[in-house]
Amino acid sequence: MNSLRPIPLLVTFAIFSTGCSTLLAQSVQVRVLDGRSGARVPNEKVSVLVKGEKGARDYTTDSEGNFSLQVDPSALIWVATEWRVTCRHTAHGTIPFVPVATIMQQGLTDENTCGQAKSETVKGKLVIFARKSSFFENLKR
């Protein structure tokens, strides 16, 4: 009879640990807009680098230029388009990570260095701007 006592404890632990892992991840929506026109960019490959993780996560925007990712709210992320040039100022050799907590609490719209297009900032959403890359820029990749 004593051999059955650890089983409820293990089941409780398994349920608790499963619940905690789902509580840690938050859904963040990312929108990709054209830096010149402000139009949404559908079917664009996007890479998301989470600070401390090995390798980037790959996503593709939907027909509205959006995708969602599950990430820990304490994480720092960096989002870049694959076949377009992401429009932002970067210091050479640094990656401009963005706190997920800021995105969740107030939203974040990345600066647009490619044109005059703007977007409103929406809680829970990261908006980035990108432009078509030139033939020569694609050759460098």
C-alpha atoms as a PDB file:
ATOM      1  CA  MET A   1       0.000   0.000   0.000  1.00  0.00           C
ATOM      2  CA  ASN A   2       2.882   2.393   0.736  1.00  0.00           C
ATOM      3  CA  SER A   3       4.189   1.930  -2.804  1.00  0.00           C
ATOM      4  CA  LEU A   4       1.116   3.759  -4.199  1.00  0.00           C
ATOM      5  CA  ARG A   5       1.663   7.008  -2.239  1.00  0.00           C
ATOM      6  CA  PRO A   6       4.369   8.463  -4.528  1.00  0.00           C
ATOM      7  CA  ILE A   7       2.114   8.135  -7.587  1.00  0.00           C
ATOM      8  CA  PRO A   8      -0.342  10.946  -6.637  1.00  0.00           C
ATOM      9  CA  LEU A   9       2.620  13.164  -5.797  1.00  0.00           C
ATOM     10  CA  LEU A  10       4.217  12.485  -9.193  1.00  0.00           C
ATOM     11  CA  VAL A  11       0.927  13.111 -11.015  1.00  0.00           C
ATOM     12  CA  THR A  12       0.452  16.397  -9.145  1.00  0.00           C
ATOM     13  CA  PHE A  13       4.010  17.452 -10.009  1.00  0.00           C
ATOM     14  CA  ALA A  14       3.522  16.541 -13.682  1.00  0.00           C
ATOM     15  CA  ILE A  15       0.298  18.551 -13.919  1.00  0.00           C
ATOM     16  CA  PHE A  16       1.859  21.528 -12.094  1.00  0.00           C
ATOM     17  CA  SER A  17       5.010  21.569 -14.237  1.00  0.00           C
ATOM     18  CA  THR A  18       2.996  21.322 -17.476  1.00  0.00           C
ATOM     19  CA  GLY A  19       0.799  24.215 -16.363  1.00  0.00           C
ATOM     20  CA  CYS A  20       3.801  26.365 -15.457  1.00  0.00           C
ATOM     21  CA  SER A  21       5.489  25.917 -18.821  1.00  0.00           C
ATOM     22  CA  THR A  22       2.385  27.106 -20.647  1.00  0.00           C
ATOM     23  CA  LEU A  23       2.078  30.069 -18.275  1.00  0.00           C
ATOM     24  CA  LEU A  24       5.607  31.230 -19.055  1.00  0.00           C
ATOM     25  CA  ALA A  25       5.170  31.493 -22.823  1.00  0.00           C
ATOM     26  CA  GLN A  26       3.267  34.498 -24.154  1.00  0.00           C
ATOM     27  CA  SER A  27       1.930  35.070 -27.632  1.00  0.00           C
ATOM     28  CA  VAL A  28       3.459  38.088 -29.355  1.00  0.00           C
ATOM     29  CA  GLN A  29       2.172  39.258 -32.714  1.00  0.00           C
ATOM     30  CA  VAL A  30       4.651  40.643 -35.238  1.00  0.00           C
ATOM     31  CA  ARG A  31       3.614  42.705 -38.267  1.00  0.00           C
ATOM     32  CA  VAL A  32       5.874  43.459 -41.242  1.00  0.00           C
ATOM     33  CA  LEU A  33       5.132  46.638 -43.196  1.00  0.00           C
ATOM     34  CA  ASP A  34       6.748  48.044 -46.324  1.00  0.00           C
ATOM     35  CA  GLY A  35       8.980  50.912 -45.228  1.00  0.00           C
ATOM     36  CA  ARG A  36       8.134  53.070 -48.227  1.00  0.00           C
ATOM     37  CA  SER A  37       4.415  52.498 -48.768  1.00  0.00           C
ATOM     38  CA  GLY A  38       3.290  51.267 -45.350  1.00  0.00           C
ATOM     39  CA  ALA A  39       1.554  48.281 -46.995  1.00  0.00           C
ATOM     40  CA  ARG A  40       1.511  44.949 -45.201  1.00  0.00           C
ATOM     41  CA  VAL A  41       4.063  42.440 -46.463  1.00  0.00           C
ATOM     42  CA  PRO A  42       2.474  38.996 -46.999  1.00  0.00           C
ATOM     43  CA  ASN A  43       4.352  35.687 -47.296  1.00  0.00           C
ATOM     44  CA  GLU A  44       7.656  37.135 -46.108  1.00  0.00           C
ATOM     45  CA  LYS A  45      10.183  34.884 -44.400  1.00  0.00           C
ATOM     46  CA  VAL A  46      11.176  36.322 -41.034  1.00  0.00           C
ATOM     47  CA  SER A  47      13.822  35.212 -38.553  1.00  0.00           C
ATOM     48  CA  VAL A  48      13.465  35.735 -34.818  1.00  0.00           C
ATOM     49  CA  LEU A  49      16.522  35.475 -32.618  1.00  0.00           C
ATOM     50  CA  VAL A  50      15.845  34.997 -28.902  1.00  0.00           C
ATOM     51  CA  LYS A  51      18.776  36.135 -26.779  1.00  0.00           C
ATOM     52  CA  GLY A  52      20.394  33.105 -25.162  1.00  0.00           C
ATOM     53  CA  GLU A  53      18.915  30.593 -27.624  1.00  0.00           C
ATOM     54  CA  LYS A  54      21.045  28.868 -30.199  1.00  0.00           C
ATOM     55  CA  GLY A  55      19.859  29.570 -33.743  1.00  0.00           C
ATOM     56  CA  ALA A  56      16.970  31.666 -34.971  1.00  0.00           C
ATOM     57  CA  ARG A  57      13.309  30.712 -35.242  1.00  0.00           C
ATOM     58  CA  ASP A  58      11.857  31.007 -38.752  1.00  0.00           C
ATOM     59  CA  TYR A  59       8.342  32.235 -39.538  1.00  0.00           C
ATOM     60  CA  THR A  60       6.365  33.332 -42.596  1.00  0.00           C
ATOM     61  CA  THR A  61       3.918  36.221 -42.504  1.00  0.00           C
ATOM     62  CA  ASP A  62       0.292  35.529 -43.383  1.00  0.00           C
ATOM     63  CA  SER A  63      -1.744  37.389 -46.014  1.00  0.00           C
ATOM     64  CA  GLU A  64      -2.000  40.374 -43.622  1.00  0.00           C
ATOM     65  CA  GLY A  65       1.757  40.566 -42.967  1.00  0.00           C
ATOM     66  CA  ASN A  66       1.433  39.077 -39.454  1.00  0.00           C
ATOM     67  CA  PHE A  67       2.677  36.072 -37.536  1.00  0.00           C
ATOM     68  CA  SER A  68       2.532  35.051 -33.887  1.00  0.00           C
ATOM     69  CA  LEU A  69       5.281  33.588 -31.778  1.00  0.00           C
ATOM     70  CA  GLN A  70       5.268  32.000 -28.356  1.00  0.00           C
ATOM     71  CA  VAL A  71       8.037  33.419 -26.181  1.00  0.00           C
ATOM     72  CA  ASP A  72       8.889  33.896 -22.532  1.00  0.00           C
ATOM     73  CA  PRO A  73       7.869  37.401 -21.369  1.00  0.00           C
ATOM     74  CA  SER A  74      11.323  37.981 -19.853  1.00  0.00           C
ATOM     75  CA  ALA A  75      13.071  37.242 -23.164  1.00  0.00           C
ATOM     76  CA  LEU A  76      14.795  39.670 -25.512  1.00  0.00           C
ATOM     77  CA  ILE A  77      14.160  39.178 -29.241  1.00  0.00           C
ATOM     78  CA  TRP A  78      15.500  40.463 -32.539  1.00  0.00           C
ATOM     79  CA  VAL A  79      13.320  40.247 -35.655  1.00  0.00           C
ATOM     80  CA  ALA A  80      14.609  40.563 -39.231  1.00  0.00           C
ATOM     81  CA  THR A  81      13.246  39.806 -42.680  1.00  0.00           C
ATOM     82  CA  GLU A  82      15.084  37.314 -44.875  1.00  0.00           C
ATOM     83  CA  TRP A  83      14.717  38.629 -48.443  1.00  0.00           C
ATOM     84  CA  ARG A  84      14.028  42.272 -47.648  1.00  0.00           C
ATOM     85  CA  VAL A  85      16.142  44.870 -45.898  1.00  0.00           C
ATOM     86  CA  THR A  86      14.845  45.566 -42.394  1.00  0.00           C
ATOM     87  CA  CYS A  87      14.566  49.344 -41.926  1.00  0.00           C
ATOM     88  CA  ARG A  88      16.256  50.360 -38.668  1.00  0.00           C
ATOM     89  CA  HIS A  89      19.436  52.002 -37.432  1.00  0.00           C
ATOM     90  CA  THR A  90      21.946  49.496 -36.125  1.00  0.00           C
ATOM     91  CA  ALA A  91      25.394  50.029 -34.735  1.00  0.00           C
ATOM     92  CA  HIS A  92      27.966  47.889 -36.516  1.00  0.00           C
ATOM     93  CA  GLY A  93      28.400  44.562 -34.733  1.00  0.00           C
ATOM     94  CA  THR A  94      25.456  44.924 -32.347  1.00  0.00           C
ATOM     95  CA  ILE A  95      22.068  43.250 -32.428  1.00  0.00           C
ATOM     96  CA  PRO A  96      19.215  45.539 -31.291  1.00  0.00           C
ATOM     97  CA  PHE A  97      17.302  43.126 -29.046  1.00  0.00           C
ATOM     98  CA  VAL A  98      13.814  44.182 -27.951  1.00  0.00           C
ATOM     99  CA  PRO A  99      12.312  43.240 -24.550  1.00  0.00           C
ATOM    100  CA  VAL A 100       9.210  41.052 -24.905  1.00  0.00           C
ATOM    101  CA  ALA A 101       7.858  42.631 -21.703  1.00  0.00           C
ATOM    102  CA  THR A 102       7.758  46.036 -23.447  1.00  0.00           C
ATOM    103  CA  ILE A 103       5.889  44.537 -26.408  1.00  0.00           C
ATOM    104  CA  MET A 104       3.380  42.865 -24.088  1.00  0.00           C
ATOM    105  CA  GLN A 105       2.802  45.921 -21.870  1.00  0.00           C
ATOM    106  CA  GLN A 106       2.659  48.746 -24.408  1.00  0.00           C
ATOM    107  CA  GLY A 107       3.540  47.441 -27.886  1.00  0.00           C
ATOM    108  CA  LEU A 108       6.494  48.543 -29.975  1.00  0.00           C
ATOM    109  CA  THR A 109       6.889  50.011 -33.444  1.00  0.00           C
ATOM    110  CA  ASP A 110      10.447  49.829 -34.749  1.00  0.00           C
ATOM    111  CA  GLU A 111      11.813  52.974 -36.372  1.00  0.00           C
ATOM    112  CA  ASN A 112      11.480  53.239 -40.143  1.00  0.00           C
ATOM    113  CA  THR A 113      14.699  54.356 -41.855  1.00  0.00           C
ATOM    114  CA  CYS A 114      13.477  53.511 -45.369  1.00  0.00           C
ATOM    115  CA  GLY A 115      10.680  55.994 -45.853  1.00  0.00           C
ATOM    116  CA  GLN A 116       7.874  58.003 -44.319  1.00  0.00           C
ATOM    117  CA  ALA A 117       5.475  55.123 -43.569  1.00  0.00           C
ATOM    118  CA  LYS A 118       4.266  54.952 -39.976  1.00  0.00           C
ATOM    119  CA  SER A 119       2.168  52.620 -37.882  1.00  0.00           C
ATOM    120  CA  GLU A 120       0.307  52.894 -34.633  1.00  0.00           C
ATOM    121  CA  THR A 121       1.717  51.114 -31.607  1.00  0.00           C
ATOM    122  CA  VAL A 122      -0.566  48.357 -30.314  1.00  0.00           C
ATOM    123  CA  LYS A 123      -0.214  46.521 -26.999  1.00  0.00           C
ATOM    124  CA  GLY A 124       1.120  42.979 -27.603  1.00  0.00           C
ATOM    125  CA  LYS A 125       2.367  43.744 -31.129  1.00  0.00           C
ATOM    126  CA  LEU A 126       5.807  44.435 -32.614  1.00  0.00           C
ATOM    127  CA  VAL A 127       5.745  46.300 -35.932  1.00  0.00           C
ATOM    128  CA  ILE A 128       8.838  46.294 -38.148  1.00  0.00           C
ATOM    129  CA  PHE A 129       9.432  47.971 -41.495  1.00  0.00           C
ATOM    130  CA  ALA A 130      11.276  46.476 -44.460  1.00  0.00           C
ATOM    131  CA  ARG A 131      11.951  47.352 -48.090  1.00  0.00           C
ATOM    132  CA  LYS A 132      12.701  45.314 -51.184  1.00  0.00           C
ATOM    133  CA  SER A 133      16.389  44.596 -51.480  1.00  0.00           C
ATOM    134  CA  SER A 134      18.293  45.543 -54.593  1.00  0.00           C
ATOM    135  CA  PHE A 135      19.922  43.065 -56.938  1.00  0.00           C
ATOM    136  CA  PHE A 136      23.346  43.891 -55.463  1.00  0.00           C
ATOM    137  CA  GLU A 137      22.119  43.540 -51.874  1.00  0.00           C
ATOM    138  CA  ASN A 138      20.809  40.076 -52.711  1.00  0.00           C
ATOM    139  CA  LEU A 139      24.200  39.136 -54.199  1.00  0.00           C
ATOM    140  CA  LYS A 140      25.870  39.934 -50.859  1.00  0.00           C
ATOM    141  CA  ARG A 141      23.763  37.346 -49.029  1.00  0.00           C
END
